[in-house]
Amino acid sequence: QSCEASLKRLGVDAIDLYQIHRFDPSVPIEETLAALDTLVQQGKVRY
């Protein structure tokens, strides 16, 4: 949801570098990384 909102605010089709601002110990690492990979596969994020 945050990525899609950022894309609208930035007015671009893809964010070149999408970064996790901090480490989140409350979420499984696999869930975080799978979500980021999904964004890359969808073309919304390049790196």
ModelCIF file with pLDDT and N, C-alpha, C, O atoms, coordinates in Angstrom:
data_MODEL
#
_entry.id   MODEL 
#
_entity.id                         1 
_entity.type                       polymer 
_entity.pdbx_number_of_molecules   1 
#
_entity_poly.entity_id                      1 
_entity_poly.type                           'polypeptide(L)' 
_entity_poly.nstd_linkage                   no 
_entity_poly.nstd_monomer                   no 
_entity_poly.pdbx_seq_one_letter_code       QSCEASLKRLGVDAIDLYQIHRFDPSVPIEETLAALDTLVQQGKVRY 
_entity_poly.pdbx_seq_one_letter_code_can   QSCEASLKRLGVDAIDLYQIHRFDPSVPIEETLAALDTLVQQGKVRY 
_entity_poly.pdbx_strand_id                 A 
#
loop_
_entity_poly_seq.entity_id 
_entity_poly_seq.num 
_entity_poly_seq.mon_id 
_entity_poly_seq.hetero 
1 1  GLN n 
1 2  SER n 
1 3  CYS n 
1 4  GLU n 
1 5  ALA n 
1 6  SER n 
1 7  LEU n 
1 8  LYS n 
1 9  ARG n 
1 10 LEU n 
1 11 GLY n 
1 12 VAL n 
1 13 ASP n 
1 14 ALA n 
1 15 ILE n 
1 16 ASP n 
1 17 LEU n 
1 18 TYR n 
1 19 GLN n 
1 20 ILE n 
1 21 HIS n 
1 22 ARG n 
1 23 PHE n 
1 24 ASP n 
1 25 PRO n 
1 26 SER n 
1 27 VAL n 
1 28 PRO n 
1 29 ILE n 
1 30 GLU n 
1 31 GLU n 
1 32 THR n 
1 33 LEU n 
1 34 ALA n 
1 35 ALA n 
1 36 LEU n 
1 37 ASP n 
1 38 THR n 
1 39 LEU n 
1 40 VAL n 
1 41 GLN n 
1 42 GLN n 
1 43 GLY n 
1 44 LYS n 
1 45 VAL n 
1 46 ARG n 
1 47 TYR n 
#
_struct_asym.id          A 
_struct_asym.entity_id   1 
#
loop_
_ma_qa_metric.id 
_ma_qa_metric.mode 
_ma_qa_metric.name 
_ma_qa_metric.software_group_id 
_ma_qa_metric.type 
1 global pLDDT . pLDDT 
2 local  pLDDT . pLDDT 
#
_ma_qa_metric_global.metric_id      1 
_ma_qa_metric_global.metric_value   97.94 
_ma_qa_metric_global.model_id       1 
_ma_qa_metric_global.ordinal_id     1 
#
loop_
_ma_qa_metric_local.label_asym_id 
_ma_qa_metric_local.label_comp_id 
_ma_qa_metric_local.label_seq_id 
_ma_qa_metric_local.metric_id 
_ma_qa_metric_local.metric_value 
_ma_qa_metric_local.model_id 
_ma_qa_metric_local.ordinal_id 
A GLN 1  2 97.00 1 1  
A SER 2  2 98.00 1 2  
A CYS 3  2 98.00 1 3  
A GLU 4  2 98.00 1 4  
A ALA 5  2 98.00 1 5  
A SER 6  2 98.00 1 6  
A LEU 7  2 98.00 1 7  
A LYS 8  2 98.00 1 8  
A ARG 9  2 98.00 1 9  
A LEU 10 2 98.00 1 10 
A GLY 11 2 98.00 1 11 
A VAL 12 2 98.00 1 12 
A ASP 13 2 97.00 1 13 
A ALA 14 2 98.00 1 14 
A ILE 15 2 98.00 1 15 
A ASP 16 2 98.00 1 16 
A LEU 17 2 98.00 1 17 
A TYR 18 2 99.00 1 18 
A GLN 19 2 98.00 1 19 
A ILE 20 2 98.00 1 20 
A HIS 21 2 98.00 1 21 
A ARG 22 2 98.00 1 22 
A PHE 23 2 98.00 1 23 
A ASP 24 2 98.00 1 24 
A PRO 25 2 97.00 1 25 
A SER 26 2 97.00 1 26 
A VAL 27 2 98.00 1 27 
A PRO 28 2 98.00 1 28 
A ILE 29 2 98.00 1 29 
A GLU 30 2 98.00 1 30 
A GLU 31 2 98.00 1 31 
A THR 32 2 98.00 1 32 
A LEU 33 2 98.00 1 33 
A ALA 34 2 98.00 1 34 
A ALA 35 2 98.00 1 35 
A LEU 36 2 98.00 1 36 
A ASP 37 2 98.00 1 37 
A THR 38 2 98.00 1 38 
A LEU 39 2 98.00 1 39 
A VAL 40 2 98.00 1 40 
A GLN 41 2 98.00 1 41 
A GLN 42 2 98.00 1 42 
A GLY 43 2 98.00 1 43 
A LYS 44 2 98.00 1 44 
A VAL 45 2 98.00 1 45 
A ARG 46 2 98.00 1 46 
A TYR 47 2 98.00 1 47 
#
loop_
_atom_site.group_PDB 
_atom_site.id 
_atom_site.type_symbol 
_atom_site.label_atom_id 
_atom_site.label_alt_id 
_atom_site.label_comp_id 
_atom_site.label_asym_id 
_atom_site.label_entity_id 
_atom_site.label_seq_id 
_atom_site.pdbx_PDB_ins_code 
_atom_site.Cartn_x 
_atom_site.Cartn_y 
_atom_site.Cartn_z 
_atom_site.occupancy 
_atom_site.B_iso_or_equiv 
_atom_site.pdbx_formal_charge 
_atom_site.auth_seq_id 
_atom_site.auth_comp_id 
_atom_site.auth_asym_id 
_atom_site.auth_atom_id 
_atom_site.pdbx_PDB_model_num 
ATOM 1   N N  . GLN A 1 1  ? 0.823  -1.212  0.000   1.00 97.00 ? 1  GLN A N  1 
ATOM 2   C CA . GLN A 1 1  ? 0.000  0.000   0.000   1.00 97.00 ? 1  GLN A CA 1 
ATOM 3   C C  . GLN A 1 1  ? 0.856  1.260   0.000   1.00 97.00 ? 1  GLN A C  1 
ATOM 4   O O  . GLN A 1 1  ? 0.537  2.232   -0.684  1.00 97.00 ? 1  GLN A O  1 
ATOM 5   N N  . SER A 1 2  ? 1.953  1.242   0.776   1.00 98.00 ? 2  SER A N  1 
ATOM 6   C CA . SER A 1 2  ? 2.816  2.418   0.861   1.00 98.00 ? 2  SER A CA 1 
ATOM 7   C C  . SER A 1 2  ? 3.505  2.693   -0.458  1.00 98.00 ? 2  SER A C  1 
ATOM 8   O O  . SER A 1 2  ? 3.648  3.848   -0.859  1.00 98.00 ? 2  SER A O  1 
ATOM 9   N N  . CYS A 1 3  ? 3.931  1.643   -1.134  1.00 98.00 ? 3  CYS A N  1 
ATOM 10  C CA . CYS A 1 3  ? 4.583  1.818   -2.426  1.00 98.00 ? 3  CYS A CA 1 
ATOM 11  C C  . CYS A 1 3  ? 3.616  2.422   -3.438  1.00 98.00 ? 3  CYS A C  1 
ATOM 12  O O  . CYS A 1 3  ? 3.973  3.346   -4.170  1.00 98.00 ? 3  CYS A O  1 
ATOM 13  N N  . GLU A 1 4  ? 2.415  1.912   -3.479  1.00 98.00 ? 4  GLU A N  1 
ATOM 14  C CA . GLU A 1 4  ? 1.431  2.429   -4.434  1.00 98.00 ? 4  GLU A CA 1 
ATOM 15  C C  . GLU A 1 4  ? 1.104  3.890   -4.142  1.00 98.00 ? 4  GLU A C  1 
ATOM 16  O O  . GLU A 1 4  ? 0.904  4.680   -5.065  1.00 98.00 ? 4  GLU A O  1 
ATOM 17  N N  . ALA A 1 5  ? 1.050  4.252   -2.856  1.00 98.00 ? 5  ALA A N  1 
ATOM 18  C CA . ALA A 1 5  ? 0.798  5.646   -2.485  1.00 98.00 ? 5  ALA A CA 1 
ATOM 19  C C  . ALA A 1 5  ? 1.981  6.532   -2.870  1.00 98.00 ? 5  ALA A C  1 
ATOM 20  O O  . ALA A 1 5  ? 1.793  7.654   -3.340  1.00 98.00 ? 5  ALA A O  1 
ATOM 21  N N  . SER A 1 6  ? 3.200  6.025   -2.668  1.00 98.00 ? 6  SER A N  1 
ATOM 22  C CA . SER A 1 6  ? 4.395  6.801   -3.032  1.00 98.00 ? 6  SER A CA 1 
ATOM 23  C C  . SER A 1 6  ? 4.464  7.028   -4.533  1.00 98.00 ? 6  SER A C  1 
ATOM 24  O O  . SER A 1 6  ? 4.816  8.119   -4.980  1.00 98.00 ? 6  SER A O  1 
ATOM 25  N N  . LEU A 1 7  ? 4.133  6.012   -5.310  1.00 98.00 ? 7  LEU A N  1 
ATOM 26  C CA . LEU A 1 7  ? 4.138  6.157   -6.766  1.00 98.00 ? 7  LEU A CA 1 
ATOM 27  C C  . LEU A 1 7  ? 3.204  7.284   -7.211  1.00 98.00 ? 7  LEU A C  1 
ATOM 28  O O  . LEU A 1 7  ? 3.546  8.065   -8.099  1.00 98.00 ? 7  LEU A O  1 
ATOM 29  N N  . LYS A 1 8  ? 2.046  7.363   -6.600  1.00 98.00 ? 8  LYS A N  1 
ATOM 30  C CA . LYS A 1 8  ? 1.088  8.422   -6.951  1.00 98.00 ? 8  LYS A CA 1 
ATOM 31  C C  . LYS A 1 8  ? 1.638  9.790   -6.563  1.00 98.00 ? 8  LYS A C  1 
ATOM 32  O O  . LYS A 1 8  ? 1.549  10.743  -7.336  1.00 98.00 ? 8  LYS A O  1 
ATOM 33  N N  . ARG A 1 9  ? 2.207  9.882   -5.359  1.00 98.00 ? 9  ARG A N  1 
ATOM 34  C CA . ARG A 1 9  ? 2.729  11.178  -4.918  1.00 98.00 ? 9  ARG A CA 1 
ATOM 35  C C  . ARG A 1 9  ? 3.914  11.625  -5.774  1.00 98.00 ? 9  ARG A C  1 
ATOM 36  O O  . ARG A 1 9  ? 4.039  12.804  -6.102  1.00 98.00 ? 9  ARG A O  1 
ATOM 37  N N  . LEU A 1 10 ? 4.776  10.681  -6.131  1.00 98.00 ? 10 LEU A N  1 
ATOM 38  C CA . LEU A 1 10 ? 5.944  11.008  -6.951  1.00 98.00 ? 10 LEU A CA 1 
ATOM 39  C C  . LEU A 1 10 ? 5.572  11.248  -8.414  1.00 98.00 ? 10 LEU A C  1 
ATOM 40  O O  . LEU A 1 10 ? 6.301  11.926  -9.139  1.00 98.00 ? 10 LEU A O  1 
ATOM 41  N N  . GLY A 1 11 ? 4.449  10.697  -8.843  1.00 98.00 ? 11 GLY A N  1 
ATOM 42  C CA . GLY A 1 11 ? 4.015  10.864  -10.221 1.00 98.00 ? 11 GLY A CA 1 
ATOM 43  C C  . GLY A 1 11 ? 4.842  10.076  -11.211 1.00 98.00 ? 11 GLY A C  1 
ATOM 44  O O  . GLY A 1 11 ? 5.076  10.529  -12.331 1.00 98.00 ? 11 GLY A O  1 
ATOM 45  N N  . VAL A 1 12 ? 5.291  8.883   -10.802 1.00 98.00 ? 12 VAL A N  1 
ATOM 46  C CA . VAL A 1 12 ? 6.100  8.035   -11.679 1.00 98.00 ? 12 VAL A CA 1 
ATOM 47  C C  . VAL A 1 12 ? 5.490  6.635   -11.736 1.00 98.00 ? 12 VAL A C  1 
ATOM 48  O O  . VAL A 1 12 ? 4.654  6.265   -10.912 1.00 98.00 ? 12 VAL A O  1 
ATOM 49  N N  . ASP A 1 13 ? 5.933  5.870   -12.734 1.00 97.00 ? 13 ASP A N  1 
ATOM 50  C CA . ASP A 1 13 ? 5.434  4.504   -12.883 1.00 97.00 ? 13 ASP A CA 1 
ATOM 51  C C  . ASP A 1 13 ? 6.213  3.511   -12.032 1.00 97.00 ? 13 ASP A C  1 
ATOM 52  O O  . ASP A 1 13 ? 5.696  2.454   -11.669 1.00 97.00 ? 13 ASP A O  1 
ATOM 53  N N  . ALA A 1 14 ? 7.475  3.858   -11.710 1.00 98.00 ? 14 ALA A N  1 
ATOM 54  C CA . ALA A 1 14 ? 8.314  2.952   -10.927 1.00 98.00 ? 14 ALA A CA 1 
ATOM 55  C C  . ALA A 1 14 ? 9.286  3.766   -10.076 1.00 98.00 ? 14 ALA A C  1 
ATOM 56  O O  . ALA A 1 14 ? 9.754  4.830   -10.482 1.00 98.00 ? 14 ALA A O  1 
ATOM 57  N N  . ILE A 1 15 ? 9.577  3.240   -8.891  1.00 98.00 ? 15 ILE A N  1 
ATOM 58  C CA . ILE A 1 15 ? 10.581 3.839   -8.009  1.00 98.00 ? 15 ILE A CA 1 
ATOM 59  C C  . ILE A 1 15 ? 11.895 3.099   -8.260  1.00 98.00 ? 15 ILE A C  1 
ATOM 60  O O  . ILE A 1 15 ? 11.945 1.872   -8.170  1.00 98.00 ? 15 ILE A O  1 
ATOM 61  N N  . ASP A 1 16 ? 12.949 3.837   -8.572  1.00 98.00 ? 16 ASP A N  1 
ATOM 62  C CA . ASP A 1 16 ? 14.222 3.195   -8.911  1.00 98.00 ? 16 ASP A CA 1 
ATOM 63  C C  . ASP A 1 16 ? 14.818 2.429   -7.737  1.00 98.00 ? 16 ASP A C  1 
ATOM 64  O O  . ASP A 1 16 ? 15.292 1.304   -7.902  1.00 98.00 ? 16 ASP A O  1 
ATOM 65  N N  . LEU A 1 17 ? 14.796 3.032   -6.556  1.00 98.00 ? 17 LEU A N  1 
ATOM 66  C CA . LEU A 1 17 ? 15.352 2.392   -5.358  1.00 98.00 ? 17 LEU A CA 1 
ATOM 67  C C  . LEU A 1 17 ? 14.360 2.532   -4.220  1.00 98.00 ? 17 LEU A C  1 
ATOM 68  O O  . LEU A 1 17 ? 14.149 3.633   -3.710  1.00 98.00 ? 17 LEU A O  1 
ATOM 69  N N  . TYR A 1 18 ? 13.747 1.425   -3.817  1.00 99.00 ? 18 TYR A N  1 
ATOM 70  C CA . TYR A 1 18 ? 12.763 1.444   -2.736  1.00 99.00 ? 18 TYR A CA 1 
ATOM 71  C C  . TYR A 1 18 ? 13.407 0.800   -1.513  1.00 99.00 ? 18 TYR A C  1 
ATOM 72  O O  . TYR A 1 18 ? 13.812 -0.362  -1.550  1.00 99.00 ? 18 TYR A O  1 
ATOM 73  N N  . GLN A 1 19 ? 13.496 1.571   -0.427  1.00 98.00 ? 19 GLN A N  1 
ATOM 74  C CA . GLN A 1 19 ? 14.265 1.152   0.730   1.00 98.00 ? 19 GLN A CA 1 
ATOM 75  C C  . GLN A 1 19 ? 13.394 0.934   1.967   1.00 98.00 ? 19 GLN A C  1 
ATOM 76  O O  . GLN A 1 19 ? 12.428 1.662   2.198   1.00 98.00 ? 19 GLN A O  1 
ATOM 77  N N  . ILE A 1 20 ? 13.749 -0.069  2.749   1.00 98.00 ? 20 ILE A N  1 
ATOM 78  C CA . ILE A 1 20 ? 13.113 -0.207  4.061   1.00 98.00 ? 20 ILE A CA 1 
ATOM 79  C C  . ILE A 1 20 ? 13.831 0.766   5.000   1.00 98.00 ? 20 ILE A C  1 
ATOM 80  O O  . ILE A 1 20 ? 15.049 0.702   5.165   1.00 98.00 ? 20 ILE A O  1 
ATOM 81  N N  . HIS A 1 21 ? 13.062 1.659   5.606   1.00 98.00 ? 21 HIS A N  1 
ATOM 82  C CA . HIS A 1 21 ? 13.635 2.766   6.375   1.00 98.00 ? 21 HIS A CA 1 
ATOM 83  C C  . HIS A 1 21 ? 14.282 2.292   7.680   1.00 98.00 ? 21 HIS A C  1 
ATOM 84  O O  . HIS A 1 21 ? 15.196 2.934   8.196   1.00 98.00 ? 21 HIS A O  1 
ATOM 85  N N  . ARG A 1 22 ? 13.810 1.188   8.195   1.00 98.00 ? 22 ARG A N  1 
ATOM 86  C CA . ARG A 1 22 ? 14.379 0.564   9.392   1.00 98.00 ? 22 ARG A CA 1 
ATOM 87  C C  . ARG A 1 22 ? 14.080 -0.940  9.333   1.00 98.00 ? 22 ARG A C  1 
ATOM 88  O O  . ARG A 1 22 ? 13.297 -1.392  8.497   1.00 98.00 ? 22 ARG A O  1 
ATOM 89  N N  . PHE A 1 23 ? 14.703 -1.698  10.218  1.00 98.00 ? 23 PHE A N  1 
ATOM 90  C CA . PHE A 1 23 ? 14.411 -3.131  10.356  1.00 98.00 ? 23 PHE A CA 1 
ATOM 91  C C  . PHE A 1 23 ? 13.179 -3.280  11.231  1.00 98.00 ? 23 PHE A C  1 
ATOM 92  O O  . PHE A 1 23 ? 13.028 -2.563  12.221  1.00 98.00 ? 23 PHE A O  1 
ATOM 93  N N  . ASP A 1 24 ? 12.296 -4.209  10.872  1.00 98.00 ? 24 ASP A N  1 
ATOM 94  C CA . ASP A 1 24 ? 11.063 -4.430  11.628  1.00 98.00 ? 24 ASP A CA 1 
ATOM 95  C C  . ASP A 1 24 ? 11.101 -5.821  12.253  1.00 98.00 ? 24 ASP A C  1 
ATOM 96  O O  . ASP A 1 24 ? 10.855 -6.809  11.561  1.00 98.00 ? 24 ASP A O  1 
ATOM 97  N N  . PRO A 1 25 ? 11.407 -5.919  13.554  1.00 97.00 ? 25 PRO A N  1 
ATOM 98  C CA . PRO A 1 25 ? 11.496 -7.234  14.197  1.00 97.00 ? 25 PRO A CA 1 
ATOM 99  C C  . PRO A 1 25 ? 10.149 -7.899  14.423  1.00 97.00 ? 25 PRO A C  1 
ATOM 100 O O  . PRO A 1 25 ? 10.096 -9.074  14.784  1.00 97.00 ? 25 PRO A O  1 
ATOM 101 N N  . SER A 1 26 ? 9.057  -7.164  14.216  1.00 97.00 ? 26 SER A N  1 
ATOM 102 C CA . SER A 1 26 ? 7.727  -7.728  14.481  1.00 97.00 ? 26 SER A CA 1 
ATOM 103 C C  . SER A 1 26 ? 7.147  -8.468  13.279  1.00 97.00 ? 26 SER A C  1 
ATOM 104 O O  . SER A 1 26 ? 6.093  -9.094  13.386  1.00 97.00 ? 26 SER A O  1 
ATOM 105 N N  . VAL A 1 27 ? 7.830  -8.398  12.132  1.00 98.00 ? 27 VAL A N  1 
ATOM 106 C CA . VAL A 1 27 ? 7.331  -9.041  10.908  1.00 98.00 ? 27 VAL A CA 1 
ATOM 107 C C  . VAL A 1 27 ? 8.355  -10.068 10.441  1.00 98.00 ? 27 VAL A C  1 
ATOM 108 O O  . VAL A 1 27 ? 9.548  -9.766  10.411  1.00 98.00 ? 27 VAL A O  1 
ATOM 109 N N  . PRO A 1 28 ? 7.924  -11.272 10.076  1.00 98.00 ? 28 PRO A N  1 
ATOM 110 C CA . PRO A 1 28 ? 8.879  -12.259 9.549   1.00 98.00 ? 28 PRO A CA 1 
ATOM 111 C C  . PRO A 1 28 ? 9.653  -11.697 8.359   1.00 98.00 ? 28 PRO A C  1 
ATOM 112 O O  . PRO A 1 28 ? 9.083  -11.060 7.474   1.00 98.00 ? 28 PRO A O  1 
ATOM 113 N N  . ILE A 1 29 ? 10.955 -11.945 8.357   1.00 98.00 ? 29 ILE A N  1 
ATOM 114 C CA . ILE A 1 29 ? 11.798 -11.459 7.272   1.00 98.00 ? 29 ILE A CA 1 
ATOM 115 C C  . ILE A 1 29 ? 11.271 -11.937 5.921   1.00 98.00 ? 29 ILE A C  1 
ATOM 116 O O  . ILE A 1 29 ? 11.277 -11.188 4.944   1.00 98.00 ? 29 ILE A O  1 
ATOM 117 N N  . GLU A 1 30 ? 10.818 -13.185 5.876   1.00 98.00 ? 30 GLU A N  1 
ATOM 118 C CA . GLU A 1 30 ? 10.315 -13.741 4.620   1.00 98.00 ? 30 GLU A CA 1 
ATOM 119 C C  . GLU A 1 30 ? 9.138  -12.938 4.072   1.00 98.00 ? 30 GLU A C  1 
ATOM 120 O O  . GLU A 1 30 ? 9.036  -12.733 2.863   1.00 98.00 ? 30 GLU A O  1 
ATOM 121 N N  . GLU A 1 31 ? 8.258  -12.489 4.948   1.00 98.00 ? 31 GLU A N  1 
ATOM 122 C CA . GLU A 1 31 ? 7.102  -11.707 4.495   1.00 98.00 ? 31 GLU A CA 1 
ATOM 123 C C  . GLU A 1 31 ? 7.547  -10.377 3.893   1.00 98.00 ? 31 GLU A C  1 
ATOM 124 O O  . GLU A 1 31 ? 7.065  -9.975  2.835   1.00 98.00 ? 31 GLU A O  1 
ATOM 125 N N  . THR A 1 32 ? 8.464  -9.702  4.570   1.00 98.00 ? 32 THR A N  1 
ATOM 126 C CA . THR A 1 32 ? 8.969  -8.414  4.078   1.00 98.00 ? 32 THR A CA 1 
ATOM 127 C C  . THR A 1 32 ? 9.650  -8.559  2.727   1.00 98.00 ? 32 THR A C  1 
ATOM 128 O O  . THR A 1 32 ? 9.374  -7.797  1.800   1.00 98.00 ? 32 THR A O  1 
ATOM 129 N N  . LEU A 1 33 ? 10.537 -9.535  2.619   1.00 98.00 ? 33 LEU A N  1 
ATOM 130 C CA . LEU A 1 33 ? 11.309 -9.695  1.383   1.00 98.00 ? 33 LEU A CA 1 
ATOM 131 C C  . LEU A 1 33 ? 10.443 -10.196 0.234   1.00 98.00 ? 33 LEU A C  1 
ATOM 132 O O  . LEU A 1 33 ? 10.665 -9.810  -0.914  1.00 98.00 ? 33 LEU A O  1 
ATOM 133 N N  . ALA A 1 34 ? 9.467  -11.044 0.518   1.00 98.00 ? 34 ALA A N  1 
ATOM 134 C CA . ALA A 1 34 ? 8.559  -11.519 -0.530  1.00 98.00 ? 34 ALA A CA 1 
ATOM 135 C C  . ALA A 1 34 ? 7.724  -10.357 -1.072  1.00 98.00 ? 34 ALA A C  1 
ATOM 136 O O  . ALA A 1 34 ? 7.461  -10.282 -2.272  1.00 98.00 ? 34 ALA A O  1 
ATOM 137 N N  . ALA A 1 35 ? 7.310  -9.455  -0.181  1.00 98.00 ? 35 ALA A N  1 
ATOM 138 C CA . ALA A 1 35 ? 6.525  -8.297  -0.614  1.00 98.00 ? 35 ALA A CA 1 
ATOM 139 C C  . ALA A 1 35 ? 7.362  -7.377  -1.496  1.00 98.00 ? 35 ALA A C  1 
ATOM 140 O O  . ALA A 1 35 ? 6.882  -6.879  -2.514  1.00 98.00 ? 35 ALA A O  1 
ATOM 141 N N  . LEU A 1 36 ? 8.609  -7.156  -1.106  1.00 98.00 ? 36 LEU A N  1 
ATOM 142 C CA . LEU A 1 36 ? 9.498  -6.323  -1.914  1.00 98.00 ? 36 LEU A CA 1 
ATOM 143 C C  . LEU A 1 36 ? 9.764  -6.963  -3.273  1.00 98.00 ? 36 LEU A C  1 
ATOM 144 O O  . LEU A 1 36 ? 9.800  -6.279  -4.296  1.00 98.00 ? 36 LEU A O  1 
ATOM 145 N N  . ASP A 1 37 ? 9.948  -8.277  -3.272  1.00 98.00 ? 37 ASP A N  1 
ATOM 146 C CA . ASP A 1 37 ? 10.166 -8.981  -4.540  1.00 98.00 ? 37 ASP A CA 1 
ATOM 147 C C  . ASP A 1 37 ? 8.934  -8.877  -5.437  1.00 98.00 ? 37 ASP A C  1 
ATOM 148 O O  . ASP A 1 37 ? 9.061  -8.744  -6.654  1.00 98.00 ? 37 ASP A O  1 
ATOM 149 N N  . THR A 1 38 ? 7.759  -8.937  -4.849  1.00 98.00 ? 38 THR A N  1 
ATOM 150 C CA . THR A 1 38 ? 6.525  -8.782  -5.619  1.00 98.00 ? 38 THR A CA 1 
ATOM 151 C C  . THR A 1 38 ? 6.505  -7.435  -6.339  1.00 98.00 ? 38 THR A C  1 
ATOM 152 O O  . THR A 1 38 ? 6.129  -7.355  -7.509  1.00 98.00 ? 38 THR A O  1 
ATOM 153 N N  . LEU A 1 39 ? 6.914  -6.377  -5.632  1.00 98.00 ? 39 LEU A N  1 
ATOM 154 C CA . LEU A 1 39 ? 6.939  -5.052  -6.241  1.00 98.00 ? 39 LEU A CA 1 
ATOM 155 C C  . LEU A 1 39 ? 7.924  -4.990  -7.403  1.00 98.00 ? 39 LEU A C  1 
ATOM 156 O O  . LEU A 1 39 ? 7.663  -4.343  -8.417  1.00 98.00 ? 39 LEU A O  1 
ATOM 157 N N  . VAL A 1 40 ? 9.057  -5.668  -7.245  1.00 98.00 ? 40 VAL A N  1 
ATOM 158 C CA . VAL A 1 40 ? 10.044 -5.716  -8.339  1.00 98.00 ? 40 VAL A CA 1 
ATOM 159 C C  . VAL A 1 40 ? 9.467  -6.466  -9.530  1.00 98.00 ? 40 VAL A C  1 
ATOM 160 O O  . VAL A 1 40 ? 9.582  -6.016  -10.669 1.00 98.00 ? 40 VAL A O  1 
ATOM 161 N N  . GLN A 1 41 ? 8.843  -7.617  -9.263  1.00 98.00 ? 41 GLN A N  1 
ATOM 162 C CA . GLN A 1 41 ? 8.272  -8.420  -10.346 1.00 98.00 ? 41 GLN A CA 1 
ATOM 163 C C  . GLN A 1 41 ? 7.142  -7.679  -11.059 1.00 98.00 ? 41 GLN A C  1 
ATOM 164 O O  . GLN A 1 41 ? 6.933  -7.864  -12.258 1.00 98.00 ? 41 GLN A O  1 
ATOM 165 N N  . GLN A 1 42 ? 6.419  -6.846  -10.324 1.00 98.00 ? 42 GLN A N  1 
ATOM 166 C CA . GLN A 1 42 ? 5.325  -6.077  -10.918 1.00 98.00 ? 42 GLN A CA 1 
ATOM 167 C C  . GLN A 1 42 ? 5.819  -4.855  -11.681 1.00 98.00 ? 42 GLN A C  1 
ATOM 168 O O  . GLN A 1 42 ? 5.039  -4.208  -12.380 1.00 98.00 ? 42 GLN A O  1 
ATOM 169 N N  . GLY A 1 43 ? 7.098  -4.532  -11.556 1.00 98.00 ? 43 GLY A N  1 
ATOM 170 C CA . GLY A 1 43 ? 7.658  -3.363  -12.234 1.00 98.00 ? 43 GLY A CA 1 
ATOM 171 C C  . GLY A 1 43 ? 7.406  -2.055  -11.519 1.00 98.00 ? 43 GLY A C  1 
ATOM 172 O O  . GLY A 1 43 ? 7.672  -0.988  -12.072 1.00 98.00 ? 43 GLY A O  1 
ATOM 173 N N  . LYS A 1 44 ? 6.898  -2.116  -10.302 1.00 98.00 ? 44 LYS A N  1 
ATOM 174 C CA . LYS A 1 44 ? 6.668  -0.890  -9.544  1.00 98.00 ? 44 LYS A CA 1 
ATOM 175 C C  . LYS A 1 44 ? 7.939  -0.388  -8.866  1.00 98.00 ? 44 LYS A C  1 
ATOM 176 O O  . LYS A 1 44 ? 8.051  0.791   -8.530  1.00 98.00 ? 44 LYS A O  1 
ATOM 177 N N  . VAL A 1 45 ? 8.887  -1.289  -8.670  1.00 98.00 ? 45 VAL A N  1 
ATOM 178 C CA . VAL A 1 45 ? 10.172 -0.975  -8.039  1.00 98.00 ? 45 VAL A CA 1 
ATOM 179 C C  . VAL A 1 45 ? 11.263 -1.629  -8.875  1.00 98.00 ? 45 VAL A C  1 
ATOM 180 O O  . VAL A 1 45 ? 11.108 -2.766  -9.319  1.00 98.00 ? 45 VAL A O  1 
ATOM 181 N N  . ARG A 1 46 ? 12.365 -0.918  -9.094  1.00 98.00 ? 46 ARG A N  1 
ATOM 182 C CA . ARG A 1 46 ? 13.451 -1.476  -9.913  1.00 98.00 ? 46 ARG A CA 1 
ATOM 183 C C  . ARG A 1 46 ? 14.531 -2.139  -9.059  1.00 98.00 ? 46 ARG A C  1 
ATOM 184 O O  . ARG A 1 46 ? 15.055 -3.192  -9.422  1.00 98.00 ? 46 ARG A O  1 
ATOM 185 N N  . TYR A 1 47 ? 14.860 -1.525  -7.933  1.00 98.00 ? 47 TYR A N  1 
ATOM 186 C CA . TYR A 1 47 ? 15.846 -2.099  -7.008  1.00 98.00 ? 47 TYR A CA 1 
ATOM 187 C C  . TYR A 1 47 ? 15.363 -1.864  -5.586  1.00 98.00 ? 47 TYR A C  1 
ATOM 188 O O  . TYR A 1 47 ? 16.032 -2.261  -4.632  1.00 98.00 ? 47 TYR A O  1 
#
